[in-house]
N, C-alpha and C. Protein backbone atom coordinates (compact mmCIF):
# COMPACT_ATOMS: atom_id res chain seq x y z
N MET A 1 24.76 27.35 -75.64
CA MET A 1 25.66 26.52 -74.52
C MET A 1 25.61 24.87 -75.02
N LYS A 2 26.51 24.12 -74.42
CA LYS A 2 26.91 22.83 -74.63
C LYS A 2 26.06 21.94 -73.73
N VAL A 3 24.80 20.59 -74.01
CA VAL A 3 24.39 20.09 -73.34
C VAL A 3 25.61 19.56 -71.89
N GLN A 4 25.26 19.54 -70.63
CA GLN A 4 25.99 18.91 -69.74
C GLN A 4 25.41 17.78 -69.54
N ARG A 5 26.11 16.43 -69.72
CA ARG A 5 25.65 15.12 -70.11
C ARG A 5 25.64 14.58 -69.03
N SER A 6 26.73 14.83 -68.13
CA SER A 6 27.61 14.16 -66.88
C SER A 6 27.37 15.22 -65.52
N TYR A 7 27.62 15.35 -64.32
CA TYR A 7 28.02 15.86 -63.57
C TYR A 7 28.61 14.75 -62.67
N LEU A 8 30.47 15.32 -62.16
CA LEU A 8 31.04 14.25 -61.68
C LEU A 8 30.64 14.89 -60.26
N PHE A 9 30.67 14.28 -59.63
CA PHE A 9 30.59 15.04 -57.62
C PHE A 9 32.27 14.62 -57.55
N VAL A 10 32.36 15.90 -56.26
CA VAL A 10 33.89 15.23 -55.93
C VAL A 10 34.28 16.05 -54.50
N PRO A 11 34.38 15.10 -53.67
CA PRO A 11 35.04 16.13 -52.95
C PRO A 11 35.68 16.74 -52.41
N ALA A 12 35.93 18.28 -52.02
CA ALA A 12 36.65 18.92 -51.78
C ALA A 12 37.66 18.72 -50.57
N LYS A 13 38.88 17.34 -51.12
CA LYS A 13 39.35 17.22 -49.58
C LYS A 13 41.39 16.82 -49.75
N ASP A 14 41.22 16.59 -51.32
CA ASP A 14 42.42 16.76 -51.96
C ASP A 14 42.39 17.21 -52.86
N PHE A 15 44.04 17.83 -53.71
CA PHE A 15 43.26 18.76 -54.73
C PHE A 15 43.39 18.07 -55.94
N SER A 16 44.75 16.73 -55.62
CA SER A 16 45.33 15.42 -56.99
C SER A 16 43.80 15.48 -57.13
N ILE A 17 42.75 14.91 -56.26
CA ILE A 17 41.75 14.14 -56.57
C ILE A 17 40.56 14.96 -57.76
N VAL A 18 40.15 16.23 -56.98
CA VAL A 18 39.73 17.43 -57.85
C VAL A 18 40.22 17.94 -59.57
N LYS A 19 41.72 17.35 -59.20
CA LYS A 19 42.37 17.81 -60.86
C LYS A 19 42.08 17.01 -61.60
N LYS A 20 42.15 15.55 -60.70
CA LYS A 20 41.56 14.00 -61.67
C LYS A 20 40.39 14.21 -62.54
N ALA A 21 39.33 14.91 -61.21
CA ALA A 21 37.62 14.83 -61.50
C ALA A 21 38.19 16.10 -62.89
N ILE A 22 38.39 17.08 -62.65
CA ILE A 22 38.15 18.02 -63.53
C ILE A 22 38.66 17.52 -65.42
N LEU A 23 40.02 17.04 -64.91
CA LEU A 23 40.73 16.91 -66.24
C LEU A 23 39.75 15.28 -67.45
N SER A 24 39.15 14.87 -66.18
CA SER A 24 38.16 13.50 -67.06
C SER A 24 37.22 13.91 -67.94
N ASP A 25 36.32 13.44 -68.25
CA ASP A 25 35.27 13.48 -69.60
C ASP A 25 34.29 13.32 -69.11
N SER A 26 34.04 13.92 -67.91
CA SER A 26 32.72 14.36 -67.52
C SER A 26 32.11 15.90 -68.35
N ASP A 27 31.36 16.10 -68.44
CA ASP A 27 31.11 17.26 -68.95
C ASP A 27 31.20 19.26 -67.99
N SER A 28 30.97 18.12 -66.84
CA SER A 28 31.25 19.41 -65.39
C SER A 28 31.40 18.63 -63.99
N VAL A 29 32.10 18.98 -63.38
CA VAL A 29 32.50 19.28 -62.02
C VAL A 29 31.82 19.80 -60.93
N ILE A 30 31.01 19.03 -59.97
CA ILE A 30 30.74 19.18 -59.08
C ILE A 30 31.61 19.69 -56.97
N ILE A 31 31.94 20.23 -56.80
CA ILE A 31 32.89 19.98 -55.75
C ILE A 31 32.48 20.21 -54.93
N ASP A 32 32.10 19.21 -54.17
CA ASP A 32 31.47 18.92 -52.77
C ASP A 32 31.91 19.45 -51.32
N LEU A 33 31.74 20.93 -50.85
CA LEU A 33 32.13 21.29 -49.57
C LEU A 33 30.97 20.80 -48.71
N GLU A 34 29.65 20.08 -48.52
CA GLU A 34 29.34 19.94 -47.63
C GLU A 34 29.25 18.73 -46.88
N ASP A 35 28.26 17.31 -47.00
CA ASP A 35 28.56 15.90 -46.76
C ASP A 35 29.80 15.39 -46.55
N ALA A 36 30.48 15.70 -47.98
CA ALA A 36 31.87 14.78 -48.28
C ALA A 36 33.36 15.24 -47.62
N VAL A 37 32.88 16.37 -46.45
CA VAL A 37 33.80 17.36 -45.41
C VAL A 37 33.50 17.40 -44.64
N ALA A 38 34.71 16.86 -43.52
CA ALA A 38 34.45 17.15 -42.12
C ALA A 38 34.30 18.43 -41.44
N GLN A 39 33.51 19.03 -40.30
CA GLN A 39 33.70 20.27 -40.17
C GLN A 39 35.13 20.70 -39.96
N SER A 40 35.89 19.50 -39.57
CA SER A 40 37.04 20.31 -39.38
C SER A 40 37.97 20.50 -39.88
N GLU A 41 37.55 20.44 -41.81
CA GLU A 41 38.34 20.17 -42.50
C GLU A 41 37.42 21.91 -43.65
N LYS A 42 36.44 22.12 -43.16
CA LYS A 42 35.47 23.17 -44.17
C LYS A 42 36.31 24.11 -44.47
N GLU A 43 37.15 25.03 -43.86
CA GLU A 43 38.06 26.33 -44.06
C GLU A 43 39.68 25.23 -45.51
N LYS A 44 40.16 24.64 -45.25
CA LYS A 44 40.40 23.92 -46.11
C LYS A 44 39.73 23.49 -46.98
N ALA A 45 38.73 23.18 -47.15
CA ALA A 45 38.59 22.81 -48.59
C ALA A 45 37.79 23.68 -48.97
N ARG A 46 37.30 25.05 -48.44
CA ARG A 46 37.40 26.10 -49.37
C ARG A 46 38.07 26.76 -49.99
N ASN A 47 39.64 26.56 -49.34
CA ASN A 47 40.42 27.20 -50.15
C ASN A 47 40.77 26.48 -51.11
N LEU A 48 40.51 25.18 -51.19
CA LEU A 48 41.01 24.39 -52.06
C LEU A 48 40.47 23.90 -53.20
N ALA A 49 38.71 24.14 -52.83
CA ALA A 49 37.79 24.80 -54.23
C ALA A 49 38.41 25.99 -54.53
N LYS A 50 38.63 26.72 -54.31
CA LYS A 50 39.21 28.63 -54.82
C LYS A 50 40.35 27.92 -55.98
N GLN A 51 40.51 27.29 -55.45
CA GLN A 51 42.55 27.17 -56.01
C GLN A 51 41.72 26.28 -57.40
N ALA A 52 40.84 25.63 -56.47
CA ALA A 52 40.53 24.82 -58.54
C ALA A 52 39.66 25.24 -59.51
N LEU A 53 38.59 26.42 -58.56
CA LEU A 53 37.95 27.74 -59.68
C LEU A 53 39.40 28.28 -60.44
N VAL A 54 39.62 28.67 -60.09
CA VAL A 54 41.18 29.38 -60.52
C VAL A 54 41.62 29.44 -61.57
N ALA A 55 42.63 27.88 -61.29
CA ALA A 55 43.25 27.28 -61.86
C ALA A 55 42.36 25.98 -63.57
N PHE A 56 41.33 25.66 -63.41
CA PHE A 56 40.34 25.24 -64.44
C PHE A 56 39.27 25.75 -64.49
N SER A 57 38.86 26.60 -63.91
CA SER A 57 37.02 27.22 -64.57
C SER A 57 37.14 27.15 -65.97
N ARG A 58 38.07 27.29 -66.83
CA ARG A 58 37.80 28.01 -68.30
C ARG A 58 38.15 26.48 -69.09
N LEU A 59 38.52 24.99 -68.95
CA LEU A 59 38.28 23.61 -68.85
C LEU A 59 37.06 23.43 -69.18
N LYS A 60 35.80 23.63 -68.01
CA LYS A 60 34.58 23.36 -68.37
C LYS A 60 34.19 23.80 -66.96
N PRO A 61 32.20 23.37 -66.60
CA PRO A 61 31.75 24.13 -65.64
C PRO A 61 32.37 23.24 -64.78
N ILE A 62 32.12 24.10 -64.13
CA ILE A 62 33.46 23.89 -62.05
C ILE A 62 31.94 24.42 -61.25
N TYR A 63 31.10 23.33 -60.91
CA TYR A 63 30.16 24.43 -59.96
C TYR A 63 30.96 23.65 -58.44
N ILE A 64 30.42 24.30 -57.20
CA ILE A 64 30.15 24.39 -55.49
C ILE A 64 28.96 23.76 -55.19
N ARG A 65 29.01 22.96 -54.02
CA ARG A 65 28.07 22.28 -53.13
C ARG A 65 28.61 22.89 -51.85
N ILE A 66 27.41 23.59 -51.63
CA ILE A 66 27.89 24.92 -50.38
C ILE A 66 26.87 23.80 -49.43
N ASN A 67 26.92 23.81 -48.30
CA ASN A 67 26.50 23.64 -47.11
C ASN A 67 24.71 24.50 -46.44
N ASP A 68 24.19 24.17 -46.06
CA ASP A 68 22.61 24.98 -46.26
C ASP A 68 23.60 26.48 -45.72
N LEU A 69 22.57 27.73 -45.71
CA LEU A 69 22.96 28.88 -45.21
C LEU A 69 22.38 28.66 -43.81
N SER A 70 21.54 28.25 -43.36
CA SER A 70 21.40 28.15 -41.82
C SER A 70 22.66 27.50 -40.63
N THR A 71 23.52 27.08 -41.95
CA THR A 71 24.47 26.34 -40.76
C THR A 71 25.70 27.54 -40.51
N GLU A 72 26.71 27.24 -39.74
CA GLU A 72 27.54 28.43 -39.89
C GLU A 72 28.84 28.08 -41.15
N TYR A 73 28.67 26.88 -41.84
CA TYR A 73 29.50 26.84 -42.92
C TYR A 73 28.50 27.21 -43.44
C-alpha cells in the first residue's frame, strides 16, 4: 500500500470542486459531509459524495467524513 503523504479535505457542496480535489496531486481526498455542509444541504451532499465515489474511487483513496452517529444525519 502506498504511503499517504497528504489528505485534502473538500466540502461536499459542488461536484466540480470535489472533482478538482480528486484530480489534484493530493494522495487522498476526504469529502466532508459534517461541518462544511449546512443542514438543509445534507441530502444533496450525500448524493454528491456517492457520485464522486462511483466516478473516481479507482483514482485514489477517497474517504467520507460523516456526522456523529448520535445526530439525525
